[in-house]
Amino acid sequence: MGGENYLYTEAELVNKWAAGTAVNFGVAGGAVYQGLIKGKGIVWDFKNKEFNIFKSCKDYNEFIEPKLENAVQQCEKHQPDMLQVREAISIIK
């Protein structure tokens, strides 16, 4: 999703250290490994020439609060609600 201010996409990212540790624990580790892969929101900020990666709900809130305060999430889970993230980005893009 792109606009005049931001380019937004999502990607499955994984913590390499945690994944390496999980793989060493056999079948149980494989289940843990699959749980480590999460879709993350990634924003390219044209003006500031920087990426913002929403690794957690807190990261998303820190990005969105100064731009669209009513889009801040309550963070009931570690990850932000991606449907709400997409709606907010479509407003500020």
PDB file of N, CA and C in Angstrom:
ATOM      1  N   MET A   1       0.860  -1.158   0.000  1.00  0.00           N
ATOM      2  CA  MET A   1       0.000   0.000   0.000  1.00  0.00           C
ATOM      3  C   MET A   1       0.911   1.226   0.000  1.00  0.00           C
ATOM      4  N   GLY A   2       0.675   2.134  -0.912  1.00  0.00           N
ATOM      5  CA  GLY A   2       1.545   3.295  -1.001  1.00  0.00           C
ATOM      6  C   GLY A   2       0.780   4.583  -1.108  1.00  0.00           C
ATOM      7  N   GLY A   3       1.419   5.647  -0.703  1.00  0.00           N
ATOM      8  CA  GLY A   3       0.846   6.979  -0.785  1.00  0.00           C
ATOM      9  C   GLY A   3       1.950   8.002  -0.923  1.00  0.00           C
ATOM     10  N   GLU A   4       1.652   9.230  -0.612  1.00  0.00           N
ATOM     11  CA  GLU A   4       2.640  10.298  -0.714  1.00  0.00           C
ATOM     12  C   GLU A   4       3.636  10.289   0.438  1.00  0.00           C
ATOM     13  N   ASN A   5       3.242   9.735   1.587  1.00  0.00           N
ATOM     14  CA  ASN A   5       4.091   9.768   2.776  1.00  0.00           C
ATOM     15  C   ASN A   5       4.801   8.452   3.076  1.00  0.00           C
ATOM     16  N   TYR A   6       4.098   7.338   2.843  1.00  0.00           N
ATOM     17  CA  TYR A   6       4.605   6.038   3.280  1.00  0.00           C
ATOM     18  C   TYR A   6       4.337   4.956   2.254  1.00  0.00           C
ATOM     19  N   LEU A   7       5.176   3.939   2.283  1.00  0.00           N
ATOM     20  CA  LEU A   7       4.969   2.712   1.549  1.00  0.00           C
ATOM     21  C   LEU A   7       4.870   1.618   2.604  1.00  0.00           C
ATOM     22  N   TYR A   8       3.789   0.860   2.596  1.00  0.00           N
ATOM     23  CA  TYR A   8       3.547  -0.147   3.630  1.00  0.00           C
ATOM     24  C   TYR A   8       3.478  -1.537   3.020  1.00  0.00           C
ATOM     25  N   THR A   9       4.095  -2.490   3.707  1.00  0.00           N
ATOM     26  CA  THR A   9       4.004  -3.893   3.318  1.00  0.00           C
ATOM     27  C   THR A   9       4.071  -4.749   4.576  1.00  0.00           C
ATOM     28  N   GLU A  10       3.864  -6.033   4.399  1.00  0.00           N
ATOM     29  CA  GLU A  10       3.975  -6.977   5.509  1.00  0.00           C
ATOM     30  C   GLU A  10       4.874  -8.120   5.084  1.00  0.00           C
ATOM     31  N   ALA A  11       5.620  -8.647   6.034  1.00  0.00           N
ATOM     32  CA  ALA A  11       6.524  -9.762   5.752  1.00  0.00           C
ATOM     33  C   ALA A  11       6.596 -10.670   6.962  1.00  0.00           C
ATOM     34  N   GLU A  12       6.847 -11.941   6.701  1.00  0.00           N
ATOM     35  CA  GLU A  12       7.056 -12.879   7.793  1.00  0.00           C
ATOM     36  C   GLU A  12       8.514 -12.783   8.216  1.00  0.00           C
ATOM     37  N   LEU A  13       8.726 -12.332   9.429  1.00  0.00           N
ATOM     38  CA  LEU A  13      10.072 -12.178   9.967  1.00  0.00           C
ATOM     39  C   LEU A  13      10.232 -13.099  11.155  1.00  0.00           C
ATOM     40  N   VAL A  14      11.459 -13.521  11.407  1.00  0.00           N
ATOM     41  CA  VAL A  14      11.723 -14.426  12.523  1.00  0.00           C
ATOM     42  C   VAL A  14      13.009 -13.989  13.219  1.00  0.00           C
ATOM     43  N   ASN A  15      13.040 -14.142  14.531  1.00  0.00           N
ATOM     44  CA  ASN A  15      14.233 -13.875  15.323  1.00  0.00           C
ATOM     45  C   ASN A  15      15.184 -15.046  15.117  1.00  0.00           C
ATOM     46  N   LYS A  16      16.313 -14.819  14.454  1.00  0.00           N
ATOM     47  CA  LYS A  16      17.246 -15.901  14.100  1.00  0.00           C
ATOM     48  C   LYS A  16      17.807 -16.613  15.327  1.00  0.00           C
ATOM     49  N   TRP A  17      18.109 -15.888  16.397  1.00  0.00           N
ATOM     50  CA  TRP A  17      18.663 -16.512  17.606  1.00  0.00           C
ATOM     51  C   TRP A  17      17.642 -17.439  18.253  1.00  0.00           C
ATOM     52  N   ALA A  18      16.416 -16.955  18.388  1.00  0.00           N
ATOM     53  CA  ALA A  18      15.371 -17.785  18.999  1.00  0.00           C
ATOM     54  C   ALA A  18      15.068 -18.987  18.114  1.00  0.00           C
ATOM     55  N   ALA A  19      15.069 -18.788  16.798  1.00  0.00           N
ATOM     56  CA  ALA A  19      14.793 -19.884  15.878  1.00  0.00           C
ATOM     57  C   ALA A  19      15.885 -20.944  15.970  1.00  0.00           C
ATOM     58  N   GLY A  20      17.137 -20.528  16.035  1.00  0.00           N
ATOM     59  CA  GLY A  20      18.249 -21.463  16.149  1.00  0.00           C
ATOM     60  C   GLY A  20      18.156 -22.300  17.411  1.00  0.00           C
ATOM     61  N   THR A  21      17.769 -21.669  18.486  1.00  0.00           N
ATOM     62  CA  THR A  21      17.607 -22.387  19.753  1.00  0.00           C
ATOM     63  C   THR A  21      16.447 -23.373  19.667  1.00  0.00           C
ATOM     64  N   ALA A  22      15.347 -22.963  19.082  1.00  0.00           N
ATOM     65  CA  ALA A  22      14.160 -23.821  18.982  1.00  0.00           C
ATOM     66  C   ALA A  22      14.442 -25.060  18.150  1.00  0.00           C
ATOM     67  N   VAL A  23      15.199 -24.919  17.066  1.00  0.00           N
ATOM     68  CA  VAL A  23      15.483 -26.043  16.180  1.00  0.00           C
ATOM     69  C   VAL A  23      16.246 -27.145  16.915  1.00  0.00           C
ATOM     70  N   ASN A  24      17.032 -26.793  17.903  1.00  0.00           N
ATOM     71  CA  ASN A  24      17.814 -27.770  18.665  1.00  0.00           C
ATOM     72  C   ASN A  24      16.966 -28.620  19.608  1.00  0.00           C
ATOM     73  N   PHE A  25      15.672 -28.365  19.698  1.00  0.00           N
ATOM     74  CA  PHE A  25      14.808 -29.105  20.619  1.00  0.00           C
ATOM     75  C   PHE A  25      13.854 -30.058  19.910  1.00  0.00           C
ATOM     76  N   GLY A  26      14.239 -30.573  18.759  1.00  0.00           N
ATOM     77  CA  GLY A  26      13.484 -31.610  18.065  1.00  0.00           C
ATOM     78  C   GLY A  26      12.083 -31.201  17.661  1.00  0.00           C
ATOM     79  N   VAL A  27      11.127 -32.132  17.824  1.00  0.00           N
ATOM     80  CA  VAL A  27       9.741 -31.908  17.409  1.00  0.00           C
ATOM     81  C   VAL A  27       9.127 -30.738  18.155  1.00  0.00           C
ATOM     82  N   ALA A  28       9.343 -30.675  19.460  1.00  0.00           N
ATOM     83  CA  ALA A  28       8.801 -29.559  20.249  1.00  0.00           C
ATOM     84  C   ALA A  28       9.398 -28.244  19.779  1.00  0.00           C
ATOM     85  N   GLY A  29      10.675 -28.266  19.456  1.00  0.00           N
ATOM     86  CA  GLY A  29      11.333 -27.062  18.949  1.00  0.00           C
ATOM     87  C   GLY A  29      10.763 -26.615  17.625  1.00  0.00           C
ATOM     88  N   GLY A  30      10.368 -27.603  16.786  1.00  0.00           N
ATOM     89  CA  GLY A  30       9.756 -27.256  15.504  1.00  0.00           C
ATOM     90  C   GLY A  30       8.456 -26.506  15.685  1.00  0.00           C
ATOM     91  N   ALA A  31       7.666 -26.912  16.662  1.00  0.00           N
ATOM     92  CA  ALA A  31       6.410 -26.211  16.952  1.00  0.00           C
ATOM     93  C   ALA A  31       6.684 -24.802  17.454  1.00  0.00           C
ATOM     94  N   VAL A  32       7.691 -24.672  18.304  1.00  0.00           N
ATOM     95  CA  VAL A  32       8.071 -23.347  18.815  1.00  0.00           C
ATOM     96  C   VAL A  32       8.543 -22.477  17.665  1.00  0.00           C
ATOM     97  N   TYR A  33       9.359 -23.057  16.767  1.00  0.00           N
ATOM     98  CA  TYR A  33       9.885 -22.315  15.625  1.00  0.00           C
ATOM     99  C   TYR A  33       8.765 -21.734  14.772  1.00  0.00           C
ATOM    100  N   GLN A  34       7.744 -22.544  14.470  1.00  0.00           N
ATOM    101  CA  GLN A  34       6.626 -22.062  13.668  1.00  0.00           C
ATOM    102  C   GLN A  34       5.913 -20.903  14.351  1.00  0.00           C
ATOM    103  N   GLY A  35       5.883 -20.921  15.681  1.00  0.00           N
ATOM    104  CA  GLY A  35       5.253 -19.845  16.435  1.00  0.00           C
ATOM    105  C   GLY A  35       6.051 -18.558  16.424  1.00  0.00           C
ATOM    106  N   LEU A  36       7.338 -18.638  16.062  1.00  0.00           N
ATOM    107  CA  LEU A  36       8.192 -17.454  16.036  1.00  0.00           C
ATOM    108  C   LEU A  36       8.009 -16.629  14.768  1.00  0.00           C
ATOM    109  N   ILE A  37       7.466 -17.252  13.717  1.00  0.00           N
ATOM    110  CA  ILE A  37       7.277 -16.546  12.456  1.00  0.00           C
ATOM    111  C   ILE A  37       5.983 -15.749  12.544  1.00  0.00           C
ATOM    112  N   LYS A  38       6.099 -14.466  12.422  1.00  0.00           N
ATOM    113  CA  LYS A  38       4.932 -13.585  12.530  1.00  0.00           C
ATOM    114  C   LYS A  38       4.946 -12.587  11.390  1.00  0.00           C
ATOM    115  N   GLY A  39       3.766 -12.265  10.889  1.00  0.00           N
ATOM    116  CA  GLY A  39       3.660 -11.212   9.902  1.00  0.00           C
ATOM    117  C   GLY A  39       3.879  -9.869  10.589  1.00  0.00           C
ATOM    118  N   LYS A  40       4.822  -9.107  10.100  1.00  0.00           N
ATOM    119  CA  LYS A  40       5.152  -7.799  10.678  1.00  0.00           C
ATOM    120  C   LYS A  40       4.862  -6.715   9.659  1.00  0.00           C
ATOM    121  N   GLY A  41       4.364  -5.597  10.139  1.00  0.00           N
ATOM    122  CA  GLY A  41       4.160  -4.451   9.274  1.00  0.00           C
ATOM    123  C   GLY A  41       5.475  -3.701   9.100  1.00  0.00           C
ATOM    124  N   ILE A  42       5.733  -3.279   7.870  1.00  0.00           N
ATOM    125  CA  ILE A  42       6.956  -2.545   7.557  1.00  0.00           C
ATOM    126  C   ILE A  42       6.556  -1.291   6.779  1.00  0.00           C
ATOM    127  N   VAL A  43       7.022  -0.147   7.256  1.00  0.00           N
ATOM    128  CA  VAL A  43       6.698   1.126   6.621  1.00  0.00           C
ATOM    129  C   VAL A  43       7.989   1.801   6.169  1.00  0.00           C
ATOM    130  N   TRP A  44       8.016   2.232   4.901  1.00  0.00           N
ATOM    131  CA  TRP A  44       9.104   3.076   4.417  1.00  0.00           C
ATOM    132  C   TRP A  44       8.591   4.502   4.485  1.00  0.00           C
ATOM    133  N   ASP A  45       9.272   5.322   5.262  1.00  0.00           N
ATOM    134  CA  ASP A  45       8.930   6.730   5.452  1.00  0.00           C
ATOM    135  C   ASP A  45       9.724   7.531   4.422  1.00  0.00           C
ATOM    136  N   PHE A  46       9.049   8.048   3.396  1.00  0.00           N
ATOM    137  CA  PHE A  46       9.728   8.776   2.324  1.00  0.00           C
ATOM    138  C   PHE A  46      10.463  10.005   2.846  1.00  0.00           C
ATOM    139  N   LYS A  47       9.807  10.788   3.692  1.00  0.00           N
ATOM    140  CA  LYS A  47      10.371  12.044   4.179  1.00  0.00           C
ATOM    141  C   LYS A  47      11.642  11.823   5.000  1.00  0.00           C
ATOM    142  N   ASN A  48      11.587  10.881   5.936  1.00  0.00           N
ATOM    143  CA  ASN A  48      12.724  10.641   6.825  1.00  0.00           C
ATOM    144  C   ASN A  48      13.701   9.596   6.287  1.00  0.00           C
ATOM    145  N   LYS A  49      13.369   8.988   5.158  1.00  0.00           N
ATOM    146  CA  LYS A  49      14.210   7.967   4.524  1.00  0.00           C
ATOM    147  C   LYS A  49      14.607   6.885   5.516  1.00  0.00           C
ATOM    148  N   GLU A  50      13.571   6.280   6.126  1.00  0.00           N
ATOM    149  CA  GLU A  50      13.822   5.226   7.107  1.00  0.00           C
ATOM    150  C   GLU A  50      12.699   4.203   7.092  1.00  0.00           C
ATOM    151  N   PHE A  51      13.055   2.993   7.523  1.00  0.00           N
ATOM    152  CA  PHE A  51      12.071   1.929   7.703  1.00  0.00           C
ATOM    153  C   PHE A  51      11.588   1.930   9.143  1.00  0.00           C
ATOM    154  N   ASN A  52      10.326   1.605   9.339  1.00  0.00           N
ATOM    155  CA  ASN A  52       9.756   1.349  10.657  1.00  0.00           C
ATOM    156  C   ASN A  52       9.171  -0.058  10.591  1.00  0.00           C
ATOM    157  N   ILE A  53       9.649  -0.928  11.468  1.00  0.00           N
ATOM    158  CA  ILE A  53       9.178  -2.308  11.494  1.00  0.00           C
ATOM    159  C   ILE A  53       8.394  -2.506  12.776  1.00  0.00           C
ATOM    160  N   PHE A  54       7.163  -2.964  12.644  1.00  0.00           N
ATOM    161  CA  PHE A  54       6.297  -3.174  13.799  1.00  0.00           C
ATOM    162  C   PHE A  54       6.548  -4.568  14.361  1.00  0.00           C
ATOM    163  N   LYS A  55       7.623  -4.709  15.141  1.00  0.00           N
ATOM    164  CA  LYS A  55       7.967  -5.994  15.746  1.00  0.00           C
ATOM    165  C   LYS A  55       7.034  -6.331  16.900  1.00  0.00           C
ATOM    166  N   SER A  56       6.389  -5.313  17.435  1.00  0.00           N
ATOM    167  CA  SER A  56       5.465  -5.509  18.554  1.00  0.00           C
ATOM    168  C   SER A  56       4.385  -4.433  18.490  1.00  0.00           C
ATOM    169  N   CYS A  57       3.395  -4.581  19.322  1.00  0.00           N
ATOM    170  CA  CYS A  57       2.335  -3.583  19.419  1.00  0.00           C
ATOM    171  C   CYS A  57       2.914  -2.237  19.867  1.00  0.00           C
ATOM    172  N   LYS A  58       3.882  -2.304  20.768  1.00  0.00           N
ATOM    173  CA  LYS A  58       4.533  -1.083  21.263  1.00  0.00           C
ATOM    174  C   LYS A  58       5.213  -0.329  20.113  1.00  0.00           C
ATOM    175  N   ASP A  59       5.906  -1.052  19.231  1.00  0.00           N
ATOM    176  CA  ASP A  59       6.556  -0.409  18.079  1.00  0.00           C
ATOM    177  C   ASP A  59       5.530   0.295  17.202  1.00  0.00           C
ATOM    178  N   TYR A  60       4.426  -0.389  16.955  1.00  0.00           N
ATOM    179  CA  TYR A  60       3.366   0.203  16.136  1.00  0.00           C
ATOM    180  C   TYR A  60       2.825   1.469  16.799  1.00  0.00           C
ATOM    181  N   ASN A  61       2.524   1.388  18.090  1.00  0.00           N
ATOM    182  CA  ASN A  61       1.958   2.539  18.801  1.00  0.00           C
ATOM    183  C   ASN A  61       2.908   3.732  18.801  1.00  0.00           C
ATOM    184  N   GLU A  62       4.202   3.485  18.966  1.00  0.00           N
ATOM    185  CA  GLU A  62       5.180   4.577  18.944  1.00  0.00           C
ATOM    186  C   GLU A  62       5.214   5.252  17.578  1.00  0.00           C
ATOM    187  N   PHE A  63       5.016   4.475  16.519  1.00  0.00           N
ATOM    188  CA  PHE A  63       4.987   5.040  15.169  1.00  0.00           C
ATOM    189  C   PHE A  63       3.707   5.826  14.918  1.00  0.00           C
ATOM    190  N   ILE A  64       2.571   5.254  15.274  1.00  0.00           N
ATOM    191  CA  ILE A  64       1.280   5.824  14.870  1.00  0.00           C
ATOM    192  C   ILE A  64       0.800   6.967  15.768  1.00  0.00           C
ATOM    193  N   GLU A  65       1.164   6.967  17.047  1.00  0.00           N
ATOM    194  CA  GLU A  65       0.607   7.952  17.984  1.00  0.00           C
ATOM    195  C   GLU A  65       0.778   9.405  17.532  1.00  0.00           C
ATOM    196  N   PRO A  66       1.953   9.857  17.099  1.00  0.00           N
ATOM    197  CA  PRO A  66       2.059  11.263  16.690  1.00  0.00           C
ATOM    198  C   PRO A  66       1.344  11.579  15.372  1.00  0.00           C
ATOM    199  N   LYS A  67       0.991  10.549  14.612  1.00  0.00           N
ATOM    200  CA  LYS A  67       0.377  10.751  13.303  1.00  0.00           C
ATOM    201  C   LYS A  67      -1.136  10.608  13.313  1.00  0.00           C
ATOM    202  N   LEU A  68      -1.634   9.671  14.149  1.00  0.00           N
ATOM    203  CA  LEU A  68      -3.071   9.366  14.185  1.00  0.00           C
ATOM    204  C   LEU A  68      -3.380   8.793  15.564  1.00  0.00           C
ATOM    205  N   GLU A  69      -3.510   9.674  16.533  1.00  0.00           N
ATOM    206  CA  GLU A  69      -3.623   9.276  17.941  1.00  0.00           C
ATOM    207  C   GLU A  69      -4.751   8.282  18.209  1.00  0.00           C
ATOM    208  N   ASN A  70      -5.862   8.418  17.500  1.00  0.00           N
ATOM    209  CA  ASN A  70      -6.986   7.509  17.769  1.00  0.00           C
ATOM    210  C   ASN A  70      -6.763   6.097  17.205  1.00  0.00           C
ATOM    211  N   ALA A  71      -5.625   5.858  16.546  1.00  0.00           N
ATOM    212  CA  ALA A  71      -5.311   4.534  16.018  1.00  0.00           C
ATOM    213  C   ALA A  71      -4.388   3.739  16.951  1.00  0.00           C
ATOM    214  N   VAL A  72      -4.034   4.316  18.091  1.00  0.00           N
ATOM    215  CA  VAL A  72      -3.208   3.599  19.069  1.00  0.00           C
ATOM    216  C   VAL A  72      -3.996   2.404  19.586  1.00  0.00           C
ATOM    217  N   GLN A  73      -3.320   1.253  19.700  1.00  0.00           N
ATOM    218  CA  GLN A  73      -3.969   0.023  20.150  1.00  0.00           C
ATOM    219  C   GLN A  73      -3.685  -0.236  21.624  1.00  0.00           C
ATOM    220  N   GLN A  74      -4.569  -0.974  22.259  1.00  0.00           N
ATOM    221  CA  GLN A  74      -4.455  -1.279  23.688  1.00  0.00           C
ATOM    222  C   GLN A  74      -3.464  -2.401  23.993  1.00  0.00           C
ATOM    223  N   CYS A  75      -2.996  -3.096  22.994  1.00  0.00           N
ATOM    224  CA  CYS A  75      -1.955  -4.123  23.155  1.00  0.00           C
ATOM    225  C   CYS A  75      -2.356  -5.244  24.105  1.00  0.00           C
ATOM    226  N   GLU A  76      -3.488  -5.861  23.850  1.00  0.00           N
ATOM    227  CA  GLU A  76      -3.890  -7.020  24.654  1.00  0.00           C
ATOM    228  C   GLU A  76      -2.964  -8.201  24.382  1.00  0.00           C
ATOM    229  N   LYS A  77      -2.394  -8.245  23.195  1.00  0.00           N
ATOM    230  CA  LYS A  77      -1.418  -9.264  22.824  1.00  0.00           C
ATOM    231  C   LYS A  77      -0.124  -8.547  22.473  1.00  0.00           C
ATOM    232  N   HIS A  78       0.940  -9.323  22.314  1.00  0.00           N
ATOM    233  CA  HIS A  78       2.235  -8.740  21.976  1.00  0.00           C
ATOM    234  C   HIS A  78       2.210  -8.088  20.589  1.00  0.00           C
ATOM    235  N   GLN A  79       1.436  -8.678  19.666  1.00  0.00           N
ATOM    236  CA  GLN A  79       1.375  -8.179  18.298  1.00  0.00           C
ATOM    237  C   GLN A  79       0.173  -7.260  18.111  1.00  0.00           C
ATOM    238  N   PRO A  80       0.331  -6.227  17.283  1.00  0.00           N
ATOM    239  CA  PRO A  80      -0.830  -5.372  17.010  1.00  0.00           C
ATOM    240  C   PRO A  80      -1.845  -6.103  16.136  1.00  0.00           C
ATOM    241  N   ASP A  81      -3.074  -5.653  16.167  1.00  0.00           N
ATOM    242  CA  ASP A  81      -4.119  -6.171  15.292  1.00  0.00           C
ATOM    243  C   ASP A  81      -3.811  -5.643  13.889  1.00  0.00           C
ATOM    244  N   MET A  82      -3.433  -6.544  12.985  1.00  0.00           N
ATOM    245  CA  MET A  82      -2.966  -6.123  11.663  1.00  0.00           C
ATOM    246  C   MET A  82      -4.075  -5.490  10.819  1.00  0.00           C
ATOM    247  N   LEU A  83      -5.321  -5.863  11.039  1.00  0.00           N
ATOM    248  CA  LEU A  83      -6.408  -5.216  10.302  1.00  0.00           C
ATOM    249  C   LEU A  83      -6.506  -3.740  10.684  1.00  0.00           C
ATOM    250  N   GLN A  84      -6.342  -3.447  11.974  1.00  0.00           N
ATOM    251  CA  GLN A  84      -6.368  -2.060  12.432  1.00  0.00           C
ATOM    252  C   GLN A  84      -5.133  -1.295  11.949  1.00  0.00           C
ATOM    253  N   VAL A  85      -3.990  -1.985  11.892  1.00  0.00           N
ATOM    254  CA  VAL A  85      -2.769  -1.354  11.369  1.00  0.00           C
ATOM    255  C   VAL A  85      -3.004  -0.930   9.922  1.00  0.00           C
ATOM    256  N   ARG A  86      -3.546  -1.831   9.113  1.00  0.00           N
ATOM    257  CA  ARG A  86      -3.797  -1.525   7.702  1.00  0.00           C
ATOM    258  C   ARG A  86      -4.754  -0.349   7.553  1.00  0.00           C
ATOM    259  N   GLU A  87      -5.788  -0.315   8.371  1.00  0.00           N
ATOM    260  CA  GLU A  87      -6.755   0.807   8.298  1.00  0.00           C
ATOM    261  C   GLU A  87      -6.050   2.132   8.618  1.00  0.00           C
ATOM    262  N   ALA A  88      -5.231   2.143   9.666  1.00  0.00           N
ATOM    263  CA  ALA A  88      -4.520   3.375  10.052  1.00  0.00           C
ATOM    264  C   ALA A  88      -3.549   3.820   8.957  1.00  0.00           C
ATOM    265  N   ILE A  89      -2.809   2.881   8.404  1.00  0.00           N
ATOM    266  CA  ILE A  89      -1.857   3.232   7.356  1.00  0.00           C
ATOM    267  C   ILE A  89      -2.588   3.764   6.129  1.00  0.00           C
ATOM    268  N   SER A  90      -3.746   3.204   5.816  1.00  0.00           N
ATOM    269  CA  SER A  90      -4.493   3.691   4.645  1.00  0.00           C
ATOM    270  C   SER A  90      -4.944   5.143   4.844  1.00  0.00           C
ATOM    271  N   ILE A  91      -5.080   5.579   6.075  1.00  0.00           N
ATOM    272  CA  ILE A  91      -5.470   6.969   6.362  1.00  0.00           C
ATOM    273  C   ILE A  91      -4.277   7.912   6.227  1.00  0.00           C
ATOM    274  N   ILE A  92      -3.111   7.496   6.742  1.00  0.00           N
ATOM    275  CA  ILE A  92      -1.951   8.405   6.783  1.00  0.00           C
ATOM    276  C   ILE A  92      -1.033   8.272   5.583  1.00  0.00           C
ATOM    277  N   LYS A  93      -1.262   7.286   4.721  1.00  0.00           N
ATOM    278  CA  LYS A  93      -0.318   6.993   3.644  1.00  0.00           C
ATOM    279  C   LYS A  93      -0.052   8.171   2.762  1.00  0.00           C
TER     280      LYS A  93
END
